[in-house]
Amino acid sequence: MSEIMGYLLIVLGILFNVFGCVGLVRFPDVYNRLQAATKCVTLGTVLLLVGVALANGTGPMAAKAVICAVFVLVTSPTAAHAIAKGAYASGVPLWEGTVVDAYAELKKVKREA
């Protein structure tokens, strides 16, 4: 039963990774692309690794897959945040259809205080 669940999680993880890759190609600016990469690809990779751990049962392969999943879960959002903040600081423009620039509003409030 856990093997079937593992294969199901692997397929689901692959689907999330594909959707994240489509988002990387289709989204208009670096900030939206980072969101696709961070949310879809992180979730897809974690699901894939947990599926590998379930499909293999206990053992060194399952332990390595869980350790890698935790590593991806911690580092991917942190890296995306650093890239987004660096892009904003270097002046990469937002997409012209962007409605709210919360970071600019936060900087304005800090200057006024």
PDB file of N, CA and C in Angstrom:
ATOM      1  N   MET A   1       0.822  -1.207   0.000  1.00  0.00           N
ATOM      2  CA  MET A   1       0.000   0.000   0.000  1.00  0.00           C
ATOM      3  C   MET A   1       0.857   1.258   0.000  1.00  0.00           C
ATOM      4  N   SER A   2       1.937   1.248   0.808  1.00  0.00           N
ATOM      5  CA  SER A   2       2.790   2.441   0.852  1.00  0.00           C
ATOM      6  C   SER A   2       3.537   2.622  -0.462  1.00  0.00           C
ATOM      7  N   GLU A   3       3.784   1.527  -1.169  1.00  0.00           N
ATOM      8  CA  GLU A   3       4.447   1.636  -2.469  1.00  0.00           C
ATOM      9  C   GLU A   3       3.540   2.336  -3.480  1.00  0.00           C
ATOM     10  N   ILE A   4       2.251   2.005  -3.454  1.00  0.00           N
ATOM     11  CA  ILE A   4       1.290   2.659  -4.354  1.00  0.00           C
ATOM     12  C   ILE A   4       1.173   4.139  -3.999  1.00  0.00           C
ATOM     13  N   MET A   5       1.124   4.429  -2.702  1.00  0.00           N
ATOM     14  CA  MET A   5       1.062   5.825  -2.264  1.00  0.00           C
ATOM     15  C   MET A   5       2.323   6.582  -2.689  1.00  0.00           C
ATOM     16  N   GLY A   6       3.463   5.902  -2.598  1.00  0.00           N
ATOM     17  CA  GLY A   6       4.719   6.517  -3.021  1.00  0.00           C
ATOM     18  C   GLY A   6       4.704   6.861  -4.500  1.00  0.00           C
ATOM     19  N   TYR A   7       4.241   5.930  -5.328  1.00  0.00           N
ATOM     20  CA  TYR A   7       4.180   6.196  -6.763  1.00  0.00           C
ATOM     21  C   TYR A   7       3.181   7.306  -7.081  1.00  0.00           C
ATOM     22  N   LEU A   8       2.093   7.373  -6.339  1.00  0.00           N
ATOM     23  CA  LEU A   8       1.121   8.442  -6.523  1.00  0.00           C
ATOM     24  C   LEU A   8       1.741   9.805  -6.187  1.00  0.00           C
ATOM     25  N   LEU A   9       2.507   9.865  -5.100  1.00  0.00           N
ATOM     26  CA  LEU A   9       3.182  11.118  -4.732  1.00  0.00           C
ATOM     27  C   LEU A   9       4.246  11.490  -5.765  1.00  0.00           C
ATOM     28  N   ILE A  10       4.921  10.506  -6.325  1.00  0.00           N
ATOM     29  CA  ILE A  10       5.914  10.787  -7.362  1.00  0.00           C
ATOM     30  C   ILE A  10       5.246  11.406  -8.587  1.00  0.00           C
ATOM     31  N   VAL A  11       4.129  10.849  -9.015  1.00  0.00           N
ATOM     32  CA  VAL A  11       3.401  11.397 -10.167  1.00  0.00           C
ATOM     33  C   VAL A  11       2.895  12.799  -9.860  1.00  0.00           C
ATOM     34  N   LEU A  12       2.363  12.997  -8.668  1.00  0.00           N
ATOM     35  CA  LEU A  12       1.880  14.319  -8.270  1.00  0.00           C
ATOM     36  C   LEU A  12       3.032  15.323  -8.225  1.00  0.00           C
ATOM     37  N   GLY A  13       4.177  14.902  -7.713  1.00  0.00           N
ATOM     38  CA  GLY A  13       5.352  15.772  -7.683  1.00  0.00           C
ATOM     39  C   GLY A  13       5.824  16.150  -9.066  1.00  0.00           C
ATOM     40  N   ILE A  14       5.802  15.194  -9.984  1.00  0.00           N
ATOM     41  CA  ILE A  14       6.194  15.490 -11.361  1.00  0.00           C
ATOM     42  C   ILE A  14       5.227  16.491 -11.984  1.00  0.00           C
ATOM     43  N   LEU A  15       3.931  16.348 -11.708  1.00  0.00           N
ATOM     44  CA  LEU A  15       2.949  17.302 -12.233  1.00  0.00           C
ATOM     45  C   LEU A  15       3.194  18.709 -11.698  1.00  0.00           C
ATOM     46  N   PHE A  16       3.456  18.826 -10.403  1.00  0.00           N
ATOM     47  CA  PHE A  16       3.744  20.144  -9.832  1.00  0.00           C
ATOM     48  C   PHE A  16       5.016  20.735 -10.437  1.00  0.00           C
ATOM     49  N   ASN A  17       6.025  19.908 -10.667  1.00  0.00           N
ATOM     50  CA  ASN A  17       7.249  20.406 -11.295  1.00  0.00           C
ATOM     51  C   ASN A  17       6.988  20.886 -12.722  1.00  0.00           C
ATOM     52  N   VAL A  18       6.163  20.165 -13.457  1.00  0.00           N
ATOM     53  CA  VAL A  18       5.827  20.585 -14.822  1.00  0.00           C
ATOM     54  C   VAL A  18       5.065  21.909 -14.791  1.00  0.00           C
ATOM     55  N   PHE A  19       4.100  22.037 -13.880  1.00  0.00           N
ATOM     56  CA  PHE A  19       3.355  23.297 -13.778  1.00  0.00           C
ATOM     57  C   PHE A  19       4.274  24.447 -13.382  1.00  0.00           C
ATOM     58  N   GLY A  20       5.228  24.191 -12.501  1.00  0.00           N
ATOM     59  CA  GLY A  20       6.191  25.222 -12.126  1.00  0.00           C
ATOM     60  C   GLY A  20       7.060  25.640 -13.297  1.00  0.00           C
ATOM     61  N   CYS A  21       7.465  24.675 -14.121  1.00  0.00           N
ATOM     62  CA  CYS A  21       8.268  24.991 -15.307  1.00  0.00           C
ATOM     63  C   CYS A  21       7.460  25.794 -16.320  1.00  0.00           C
ATOM     64  N   VAL A  22       6.191  25.458 -16.481  1.00  0.00           N
ATOM     65  CA  VAL A  22       5.325  26.233 -17.364  1.00  0.00           C
ATOM     66  C   VAL A  22       5.195  27.662 -16.831  1.00  0.00           C
ATOM     67  N   GLY A  23       5.079  27.817 -15.523  1.00  0.00           N
ATOM     68  CA  GLY A  23       5.021  29.147 -14.923  1.00  0.00           C
ATOM     69  C   GLY A  23       6.294  29.937 -15.147  1.00  0.00           C
ATOM     70  N   LEU A  24       7.433  29.264 -15.122  1.00  0.00           N
ATOM     71  CA  LEU A  24       8.695  29.951 -15.389  1.00  0.00           C
ATOM     72  C   LEU A  24       8.742  30.510 -16.803  1.00  0.00           C
ATOM     73  N   VAL A  25       8.120  29.828 -17.726  1.00  0.00           N
ATOM     74  CA  VAL A  25       8.131  30.277 -19.113  1.00  0.00           C
ATOM     75  C   VAL A  25       7.041  31.318 -19.364  1.00  0.00           C
ATOM     76  N   ARG A  26       5.883  31.145 -18.755  1.00  0.00           N
ATOM     77  CA  ARG A  26       4.721  31.966 -19.094  1.00  0.00           C
ATOM     78  C   ARG A  26       4.584  33.262 -18.293  1.00  0.00           C
ATOM     79  N   PHE A  27       5.089  33.293 -17.068  1.00  0.00           N
ATOM     80  CA  PHE A  27       4.873  34.483 -16.249  1.00  0.00           C
ATOM     81  C   PHE A  27       5.701  35.659 -16.762  1.00  0.00           C
ATOM     82  N   PRO A  28       5.200  36.891 -16.559  1.00  0.00           N
ATOM     83  CA  PRO A  28       5.773  38.046 -17.248  1.00  0.00           C
ATOM     84  C   PRO A  28       7.064  38.631 -16.645  1.00  0.00           C
ATOM     85  N   ASP A  29       7.283  38.539 -15.357  1.00  0.00           N
ATOM     86  CA  ASP A  29       8.471  39.172 -14.786  1.00  0.00           C
ATOM     87  C   ASP A  29       9.166  38.235 -13.806  1.00  0.00           C
ATOM     88  N   VAL A  30      10.323  38.679 -13.337  1.00  0.00           N
ATOM     89  CA  VAL A  30      11.154  37.828 -12.493  1.00  0.00           C
ATOM     90  C   VAL A  30      10.457  37.489 -11.170  1.00  0.00           C
ATOM     91  N   TYR A  31       9.660  38.384 -10.647  1.00  0.00           N
ATOM     92  CA  TYR A  31       9.016  38.167  -9.363  1.00  0.00           C
ATOM     93  C   TYR A  31       7.930  37.091  -9.453  1.00  0.00           C
ATOM     94  N   ASN A  32       7.133  37.142 -10.504  1.00  0.00           N
ATOM     95  CA  ASN A  32       6.122  36.097 -10.709  1.00  0.00           C
ATOM     96  C   ASN A  32       6.767  34.760 -11.024  1.00  0.00           C
ATOM     97  N   ARG A  33       7.857  34.788 -11.764  1.00  0.00           N
ATOM     98  CA  ARG A  33       8.564  33.545 -12.075  1.00  0.00           C
ATOM     99  C   ARG A  33       9.159  32.922 -10.820  1.00  0.00           C
ATOM    100  N   LEU A  34       9.651  33.760  -9.936  1.00  0.00           N
ATOM    101  CA  LEU A  34      10.175  33.244  -8.667  1.00  0.00           C
ATOM    102  C   LEU A  34       9.073  32.597  -7.843  1.00  0.00           C
ATOM    103  N   GLN A  35       7.880  33.160  -7.912  1.00  0.00           N
ATOM    104  CA  GLN A  35       6.765  32.557  -7.177  1.00  0.00           C
ATOM    105  C   GLN A  35       6.455  31.171  -7.739  1.00  0.00           C
ATOM    106  N   ALA A  36       6.446  31.042  -9.056  1.00  0.00           N
ATOM    107  CA  ALA A  36       6.191  29.727  -9.666  1.00  0.00           C
ATOM    108  C   ALA A  36       7.281  28.741  -9.277  1.00  0.00           C
ATOM    109  N   ALA A  37       8.512  29.202  -9.324  1.00  0.00           N
ATOM    110  CA  ALA A  37       9.627  28.313  -8.985  1.00  0.00           C
ATOM    111  C   ALA A  37       9.579  27.911  -7.524  1.00  0.00           C
ATOM    112  N   THR A  38       9.289  28.860  -6.664  1.00  0.00           N
ATOM    113  CA  THR A  38       9.321  28.568  -5.244  1.00  0.00           C
ATOM    114  C   THR A  38       8.159  27.683  -4.827  1.00  0.00           C
ATOM    115  N   LYS A  39       6.965  28.029  -5.220  1.00  0.00           N
ATOM    116  CA  LYS A  39       5.809  27.268  -4.748  1.00  0.00           C
ATOM    117  C   LYS A  39       5.667  25.924  -5.449  1.00  0.00           C
ATOM    118  N   CYS A  40       5.568  25.944  -6.758  1.00  0.00           N
ATOM    119  CA  CYS A  40       5.299  24.701  -7.484  1.00  0.00           C
ATOM    120  C   CYS A  40       6.478  23.746  -7.462  1.00  0.00           C
ATOM    121  N   VAL A  41       7.643  24.244  -7.771  1.00  0.00           N
ATOM    122  CA  VAL A  41       8.789  23.353  -7.889  1.00  0.00           C
ATOM    123  C   VAL A  41       9.226  22.836  -6.517  1.00  0.00           C
ATOM    124  N   THR A  42       9.145  23.668  -5.490  1.00  0.00           N
ATOM    125  CA  THR A  42       9.487  23.189  -4.146  1.00  0.00           C
ATOM    126  C   THR A  42       8.507  22.107  -3.709  1.00  0.00           C
ATOM    127  N   LEU A  43       7.218  22.368  -3.858  1.00  0.00           N
ATOM    128  CA  LEU A  43       6.228  21.366  -3.473  1.00  0.00           C
ATOM    129  C   LEU A  43       6.374  20.106  -4.324  1.00  0.00           C
ATOM    130  N   GLY A  44       6.592  20.272  -5.620  1.00  0.00           N
ATOM    131  CA  GLY A  44       6.750  19.115  -6.490  1.00  0.00           C
ATOM    132  C   GLY A  44       7.967  18.284  -6.137  1.00  0.00           C
ATOM    133  N   THR A  45       9.079  18.935  -5.844  1.00  0.00           N
ATOM    134  CA  THR A  45      10.290  18.204  -5.497  1.00  0.00           C
ATOM    135  C   THR A  45      10.138  17.498  -4.155  1.00  0.00           C
ATOM    136  N   VAL A  46       9.525  18.167  -3.193  1.00  0.00           N
ATOM    137  CA  VAL A  46       9.312  17.537  -1.888  1.00  0.00           C
ATOM    138  C   VAL A  46       8.367  16.341  -2.020  1.00  0.00           C
ATOM    139  N   LEU A  47       7.298  16.486  -2.781  1.00  0.00           N
ATOM    140  CA  LEU A  47       6.388  15.358  -2.991  1.00  0.00           C
ATOM    141  C   LEU A  47       7.093  14.204  -3.685  1.00  0.00           C
ATOM    142  N   LEU A  48       7.918  14.523  -4.657  1.00  0.00           N
ATOM    143  CA  LEU A  48       8.657  13.490  -5.369  1.00  0.00           C
ATOM    144  C   LEU A  48       9.602  12.749  -4.426  1.00  0.00           C
ATOM    145  N   LEU A  49      10.320  13.480  -3.592  1.00  0.00           N
ATOM    146  CA  LEU A  49      11.268  12.852  -2.672  1.00  0.00           C
ATOM    147  C   LEU A  49      10.556  12.040  -1.587  1.00  0.00           C
ATOM    148  N   VAL A  50       9.435  12.542  -1.089  1.00  0.00           N
ATOM    149  CA  VAL A  50       8.665  11.775  -0.105  1.00  0.00           C
ATOM    150  C   VAL A  50       8.084  10.522  -0.761  1.00  0.00           C
ATOM    151  N   GLY A  51       7.671  10.641  -2.014  1.00  0.00           N
ATOM    152  CA  GLY A  51       7.191   9.473  -2.743  1.00  0.00           C
ATOM    153  C   GLY A  51       8.274   8.424  -2.921  1.00  0.00           C
ATOM    154  N   VAL A  52       9.499   8.868  -3.188  1.00  0.00           N
ATOM    155  CA  VAL A  52      10.622   7.929  -3.299  1.00  0.00           C
ATOM    156  C   VAL A  52      10.851   7.238  -1.958  1.00  0.00           C
ATOM    157  N   ALA A  53      10.771   8.024  -0.872  1.00  0.00           N
ATOM    158  CA  ALA A  53      10.968   7.442   0.459  1.00  0.00           C
ATOM    159  C   ALA A  53       9.880   6.417   0.769  1.00  0.00           C
ATOM    160  N   LEU A  54       8.634   6.709   0.411  1.00  0.00           N
ATOM    161  CA  LEU A  54       7.556   5.758   0.660  1.00  0.00           C
ATOM    162  C   LEU A  54       7.665   4.520  -0.228  1.00  0.00           C
ATOM    163  N   ALA A  55       8.038   4.717  -1.477  1.00  0.00           N
ATOM    164  CA  ALA A  55       8.129   3.589  -2.399  1.00  0.00           C
ATOM    165  C   ALA A  55       9.273   2.650  -2.026  1.00  0.00           C
ATOM    166  N   ASN A  56      10.338   3.197  -1.455  1.00  0.00           N
ATOM    167  CA  ASN A  56      11.483   2.369  -1.074  1.00  0.00           C
ATOM    168  C   ASN A  56      11.338   1.747   0.300  1.00  0.00           C
ATOM    169  N   GLY A  57      10.414   2.225   1.087  1.00  0.00           N
ATOM    170  CA  GLY A  57      10.283   1.713   2.454  1.00  0.00           C
ATOM    171  C   GLY A  57      11.367   2.304   3.335  1.00  0.00           C
ATOM    172  N   THR A  58      11.803   1.545   4.314  1.00  0.00           N
ATOM    173  CA  THR A  58      12.855   2.035   5.192  1.00  0.00           C
ATOM    174  C   THR A  58      14.215   1.677   4.612  1.00  0.00           C
ATOM    175  N   GLY A  59      15.209   2.421   5.002  1.00  0.00           N
ATOM    176  CA  GLY A  59      16.553   2.146   4.518  1.00  0.00           C
ATOM    177  C   GLY A  59      17.291   3.416   4.189  1.00  0.00           C
ATOM    178  N   PRO A  60      18.501   3.270   3.689  1.00  0.00           N
ATOM    179  CA  PRO A  60      19.323   4.448   3.415  1.00  0.00           C
ATOM    180  C   PRO A  60      18.743   5.346   2.320  1.00  0.00           C
ATOM    181  N   MET A  61      18.127   4.755   1.306  1.00  0.00           N
ATOM    182  CA  MET A  61      17.550   5.559   0.225  1.00  0.00           C
ATOM    183  C   MET A  61      16.412   6.432   0.742  1.00  0.00           C
ATOM    184  N   ALA A  62      15.560   5.891   1.584  1.00  0.00           N
ATOM    185  CA  ALA A  62      14.451   6.659   2.152  1.00  0.00           C
ATOM    186  C   ALA A  62      14.968   7.765   3.057  1.00  0.00           C
ATOM    187  N   ALA A  63      15.992   7.466   3.834  1.00  0.00           N
ATOM    188  CA  ALA A  63      16.560   8.477   4.727  1.00  0.00           C
ATOM    189  C   ALA A  63      17.174   9.618   3.926  1.00  0.00           C
ATOM    190  N   LYS A  64      17.888   9.294   2.864  1.00  0.00           N
ATOM    191  CA  LYS A  64      18.486  10.331   2.017  1.00  0.00           C
ATOM    192  C   LYS A  64      17.409  11.178   1.344  1.00  0.00           C
ATOM    193  N   ALA A  65      16.330  10.543   0.915  1.00  0.00           N
ATOM    194  CA  ALA A  65      15.250  11.278   0.261  1.00  0.00           C
ATOM    195  C   ALA A  65      14.588  12.253   1.236  1.00  0.00           C
ATOM    196  N   VAL A  66      14.369  11.829   2.465  1.00  0.00           N
ATOM    197  CA  VAL A  66      13.760  12.718   3.461  1.00  0.00           C
ATOM    198  C   VAL A  66      14.705  13.867   3.803  1.00  0.00           C
ATOM    199  N   ILE A  67      15.991  13.583   3.957  1.00  0.00           N
ATOM    200  CA  ILE A  67      16.967  14.642   4.243  1.00  0.00           C
ATOM    201  C   ILE A  67      17.010  15.650   3.098  1.00  0.00           C
ATOM    202  N   CYS A  68      17.001  15.165   1.864  1.00  0.00           N
ATOM    203  CA  CYS A  68      16.986  16.060   0.705  1.00  0.00           C
ATOM    204  C   CYS A  68      15.696  16.890   0.657  1.00  0.00           C
ATOM    205  N   ALA A  69      14.569  16.285   1.007  1.00  0.00           N
ATOM    206  CA  ALA A  69      13.295  17.008   1.014  1.00  0.00           C
ATOM    207  C   ALA A  69      13.322  18.142   2.027  1.00  0.00           C
ATOM    208  N   VAL A  70      13.859  17.878   3.203  1.00  0.00           N
ATOM    209  CA  VAL A  70      13.965  18.931   4.218  1.00  0.00           C
ATOM    210  C   VAL A  70      14.901  20.032   3.739  1.00  0.00           C
ATOM    211  N   PHE A  71      16.007  19.655   3.111  1.00  0.00           N
ATOM    212  CA  PHE A  71      16.955  20.635   2.588  1.00  0.00           C
ATOM    213  C   PHE A  71      16.303  21.528   1.536  1.00  0.00           C
ATOM    214  N   VAL A  72      15.571  20.933   0.602  1.00  0.00           N
ATOM    215  CA  VAL A  72      14.897  21.701  -0.442  1.00  0.00           C
ATOM    216  C   VAL A  72      13.819  22.594   0.168  1.00  0.00           C
ATOM    217  N   LEU A  73      13.109  22.080   1.153  1.00  0.00           N
ATOM    218  CA  LEU A  73      12.046  22.843   1.799  1.00  0.00           C
ATOM    219  C   LEU A  73      12.579  24.075   2.514  1.00  0.00           C
ATOM    220  N   VAL A  74      13.795  24.004   3.032  1.00  0.00           N
ATOM    221  CA  VAL A  74      14.386  25.142   3.744  1.00  0.00           C
ATOM    222  C   VAL A  74      15.089  26.099   2.787  1.00  0.00           C
ATOM    223  N   THR A  75      15.852  25.574   1.840  1.00  0.00           N
ATOM    224  CA  THR A  75      16.706  26.443   1.024  1.00  0.00           C
ATOM    225  C   THR A  75      15.998  27.106  -0.147  1.00  0.00           C
ATOM    226  N   SER A  76      15.026  26.467  -0.737  1.00  0.00           N
ATOM    227  CA  SER A  76      14.394  27.037  -1.927  1.00  0.00           C
ATOM    228  C   SER A  76      13.656  28.351  -1.648  1.00  0.00           C
ATOM    229  N   PRO A  77      12.801  28.437  -0.637  1.00  0.00           N
ATOM    230  CA  PRO A  77      12.164  29.728  -0.363  1.00  0.00           C
ATOM    231  C   PRO A  77      13.157  30.796   0.082  1.00  0.00           C
ATOM    232  N   THR A  78      14.188  30.392   0.814  1.00  0.00           N
ATOM    233  CA  THR A  78      15.202  31.354   1.259  1.00  0.00           C
ATOM    234  C   THR A  78      15.953  31.926   0.067  1.00  0.00           C
ATOM    235  N   ALA A  79      16.343  31.073  -0.863  1.00  0.00           N
ATOM    236  CA  ALA A  79      17.046  31.540  -2.057  1.00  0.00           C
ATOM    237  C   ALA A  79      16.149  32.424  -2.917  1.00  0.00           C
ATOM    238  N   ALA A  80      14.889  32.062  -3.075  1.00  0.00           N
ATOM    239  CA  ALA A  80      13.970  32.867  -3.878  1.00  0.00           C
ATOM    240  C   ALA A  80      13.767  34.243  -3.253  1.00  0.00           C
ATOM    241  N   HIS A  81      13.698  34.292  -1.927  1.00  0.00           N
ATOM    242  CA  HIS A  81      13.559  35.584  -1.249  1.00  0.00           C
ATOM    243  C   HIS A  81      14.793  36.449  -1.492  1.00  0.00           C
ATOM    244  N   ALA A  82      15.974  35.851  -1.394  1.00  0.00           N
ATOM    245  CA  ALA A  82      17.206  36.601  -1.613  1.00  0.00           C
ATOM    246  C   ALA A  82      17.306  37.098  -3.057  1.00  0.00           C
ATOM    247  N   ILE A  83      16.915  36.262  -4.005  1.00  0.00           N
ATOM    248  CA  ILE A  83      16.949  36.664  -5.415  1.00  0.00           C
ATOM    249  C   ILE A  83      15.961  37.798  -5.671  1.00  0.00           C
ATOM    250  N   ALA A  84      14.751  37.692  -5.112  1.00  0.00           N
ATOM    251  CA  ALA A  84      13.741  38.735  -5.314  1.00  0.00           C
ATOM    252  C   ALA A  84      14.179  40.053  -4.692  1.00  0.00           C
ATOM    253  N   LYS A  85      14.750  39.990  -3.504  1.00  0.00           N
ATOM    254  CA  LYS A  85      15.199  41.219  -2.852  1.00  0.00           C
ATOM    255  C   LYS A  85      16.366  41.841  -3.614  1.00  0.00           C
ATOM    256  N   GLY A  86      17.264  41.002  -4.127  1.00  0.00           N
ATOM    257  CA  GLY A  86      18.365  41.508  -4.937  1.00  0.00           C
ATOM    258  C   GLY A  86      17.889  42.111  -6.245  1.00  0.00           C
ATOM    259  N   ALA A  87      16.914  41.481  -6.870  1.00  0.00           N
ATOM    260  CA  ALA A  87      16.366  42.020  -8.117  1.00  0.00           C
ATOM    261  C   ALA A  87      15.679  43.361  -7.864  1.00  0.00           C
ATOM    262  N   TYR A  88      14.951  43.468  -6.773  1.00  0.00           N
ATOM    263  CA  TYR A  88      14.262  44.720  -6.456  1.00  0.00           C
ATOM    264  C   TYR A  88      15.276  45.817  -6.151  1.00  0.00           C
ATOM    265  N   ALA A  89      16.319  45.453  -5.387  1.00  0.00           N
ATOM    266  CA  ALA A  89      17.338  46.449  -5.017  1.00  0.00           C
ATOM    267  C   ALA A  89      18.131  46.918  -6.237  1.00  0.00           C
ATOM    268  N   SER A  90      18.305  46.051  -7.221  1.00  0.00           N
ATOM    269  CA  SER A  90      19.064  46.453  -8.406  1.00  0.00           C
ATOM    270  C   SER A  90      18.196  47.155  -9.447  1.00  0.00           C
ATOM    271  N   GLY A  91      16.907  47.293  -9.173  1.00  0.00           N
ATOM    272  CA  GLY A  91      16.037  48.082 -10.038  1.00  0.00           C
ATOM    273  C   GLY A  91      15.323  47.309 -11.129  1.00  0.00           C
ATOM    274  N   VAL A  92      15.209  46.001 -11.001  1.00  0.00           N
ATOM    275  CA  VAL A  92      14.451  45.226 -11.990  1.00  0.00           C
ATOM    276  C   VAL A  92      12.984  45.635 -11.869  1.00  0.00           C
ATOM    277  N   PRO A  93      12.389  46.118 -12.954  1.00  0.00           N
ATOM    278  CA  PRO A  93      11.023  46.647 -12.843  1.00  0.00           C
ATOM    279  C   PRO A  93       9.988  45.549 -12.655  1.00  0.00           C
ATOM    280  N   LEU A  94       8.904  45.934 -11.997  1.00  0.00           N
ATOM    281  CA  LEU A  94       7.749  45.050 -11.877  1.00  0.00           C
ATOM    282  C   LEU A  94       7.007  45.028 -13.210  1.00  0.00           C
ATOM    283  N   TRP A  95       6.207  44.005 -13.400  1.00  0.00           N
ATOM    284  CA  TRP A  95       5.368  43.918 -14.588  1.00  0.00           C
ATOM    285  C   TRP A  95       4.405  45.094 -14.583  1.00  0.00           C
ATOM    286  N   GLU A  96       4.106  45.648 -15.768  1.00  0.00           N
ATOM    287  CA  GLU A  96       3.230  46.830 -15.837  1.00  0.00           C
ATOM    288  C   GLU A  96       1.819  46.558 -15.345  1.00  0.00           C
ATOM    289  N   GLY A  97       1.400  45.310 -15.285  1.00  0.00           N
ATOM    290  CA  GLY A  97       0.078  44.954 -14.765  1.00  0.00           C
ATOM    291  C   GLY A  97       0.056  44.723 -13.269  1.00  0.00           C
ATOM    292  N   THR A  98       1.162  44.977 -12.581  1.00  0.00           N
ATOM    293  CA  THR A  98       1.219  44.781 -11.138  1.00  0.00           C
ATOM    294  C   THR A  98       0.331  45.807 -10.447  1.00  0.00           C
ATOM    295  N   VAL A  99      -0.464  45.333  -9.510  1.00  0.00           N
ATOM    296  CA  VAL A  99      -1.426  46.198  -8.835  1.00  0.00           C
ATOM    297  C   VAL A  99      -0.824  46.833  -7.586  1.00  0.00           C
ATOM    298  N   VAL A 100      -0.114  46.061  -6.781  1.00  0.00           N
ATOM    299  CA  VAL A 100       0.400  46.544  -5.505  1.00  0.00           C
ATOM    300  C   VAL A 100       1.902  46.283  -5.423  1.00  0.00           C
ATOM    301  N   ASP A 101       2.636  47.292  -4.983  1.00  0.00           N
ATOM    302  CA  ASP A 101       4.056  47.142  -4.682  1.00  0.00           C
ATOM    303  C   ASP A 101       4.210  47.334  -3.175  1.00  0.00           C
ATOM    304  N   ALA A 102       4.001  46.270  -2.431  1.00  0.00           N
ATOM    305  CA  ALA A 102       3.997  46.348  -0.967  1.00  0.00           C
ATOM    306  C   ALA A 102       5.373  46.722  -0.412  1.00  0.00           C
ATOM    307  N   TYR A 103       6.434  46.312  -1.080  1.00  0.00           N
ATOM    308  CA  TYR A 103       7.774  46.626  -0.592  1.00  0.00           C
ATOM    309  C   TYR A 103       8.051  48.122  -0.691  1.00  0.00           C
ATOM    310  N   ALA A 104       7.606  48.769  -1.769  1.00  0.00           N
ATOM    311  CA  ALA A 104       7.779  50.218  -1.897  1.00  0.00           C
ATOM    312  C   ALA A 104       6.958  50.946  -0.839  1.00  0.00           C
ATOM    313  N   GLU A 105       5.755  50.470  -0.566  1.00  0.00           N
ATOM    314  CA  GLU A 105       4.932  51.082   0.479  1.00  0.00           C
ATOM    315  C   GLU A 105       5.587  50.930   1.847  1.00  0.00           C
ATOM    316  N   LEU A 106       6.183  49.775   2.115  1.00  0.00           N
ATOM    317  CA  LEU A 106       6.870  49.542   3.384  1.00  0.00           C
ATOM    318  C   LEU A 106       8.072  50.459   3.517  1.00  0.00           C
ATOM    319  N   LYS A 107       8.822  50.644   2.448  1.00  0.00           N
ATOM    320  CA  LYS A 107       9.981  51.534   2.492  1.00  0.00           C
ATOM    321  C   LYS A 107       9.542  52.971   2.734  1.00  0.00           C
ATOM    322  N   LYS A 108       8.398  53.369   2.148  1.00  0.00           N
ATOM    323  CA  LYS A 108       7.893  54.736   2.333  1.00  0.00           C
ATOM    324  C   LYS A 108       7.479  54.952   3.789  1.00  0.00           C
ATOM    325  N   VAL A 109       6.829  53.960   4.390  1.00  0.00           N
ATOM    326  CA  VAL A 109       6.406  54.070   5.793  1.00  0.00           C
ATOM    327  C   VAL A 109       7.622  54.154   6.695  1.00  0.00           C
ATOM    328  N   LYS A 110       8.665  53.400   6.400  1.00  0.00           N
ATOM    329  CA  LYS A 110       9.875  53.441   7.223  1.00  0.00           C
ATOM    330  C   LYS A 110      10.566  54.800   7.116  1.00  0.00           C
ATOM    331  N   ARG A 111      10.561  55.403   5.922  1.00  0.00           N
ATOM    332  CA  ARG A 111      11.183  56.720   5.761  1.00  0.00           C
ATOM    333  C   ARG A 111      10.418  57.786   6.531  1.00  0.00           C
ATOM    334  N   GLU A 112       9.087  57.673   6.584  1.00  0.00           N
ATOM    335  CA  GLU A 112       8.269  58.658   7.275  1.00  0.00           C
ATOM    336  C   GLU A 112       8.380  58.552   8.780  1.00  0.00           C
ATOM    337  N   ALA A 113       8.704  57.372   9.282  1.00  0.00           N
ATOM    338  CA  ALA A 113       8.768  57.163  10.731  1.00  0.00           C
ATOM    339  C   ALA A 113      10.039  57.701  11.342  1.00  0.00           C
TER     340      ALA A 113
END
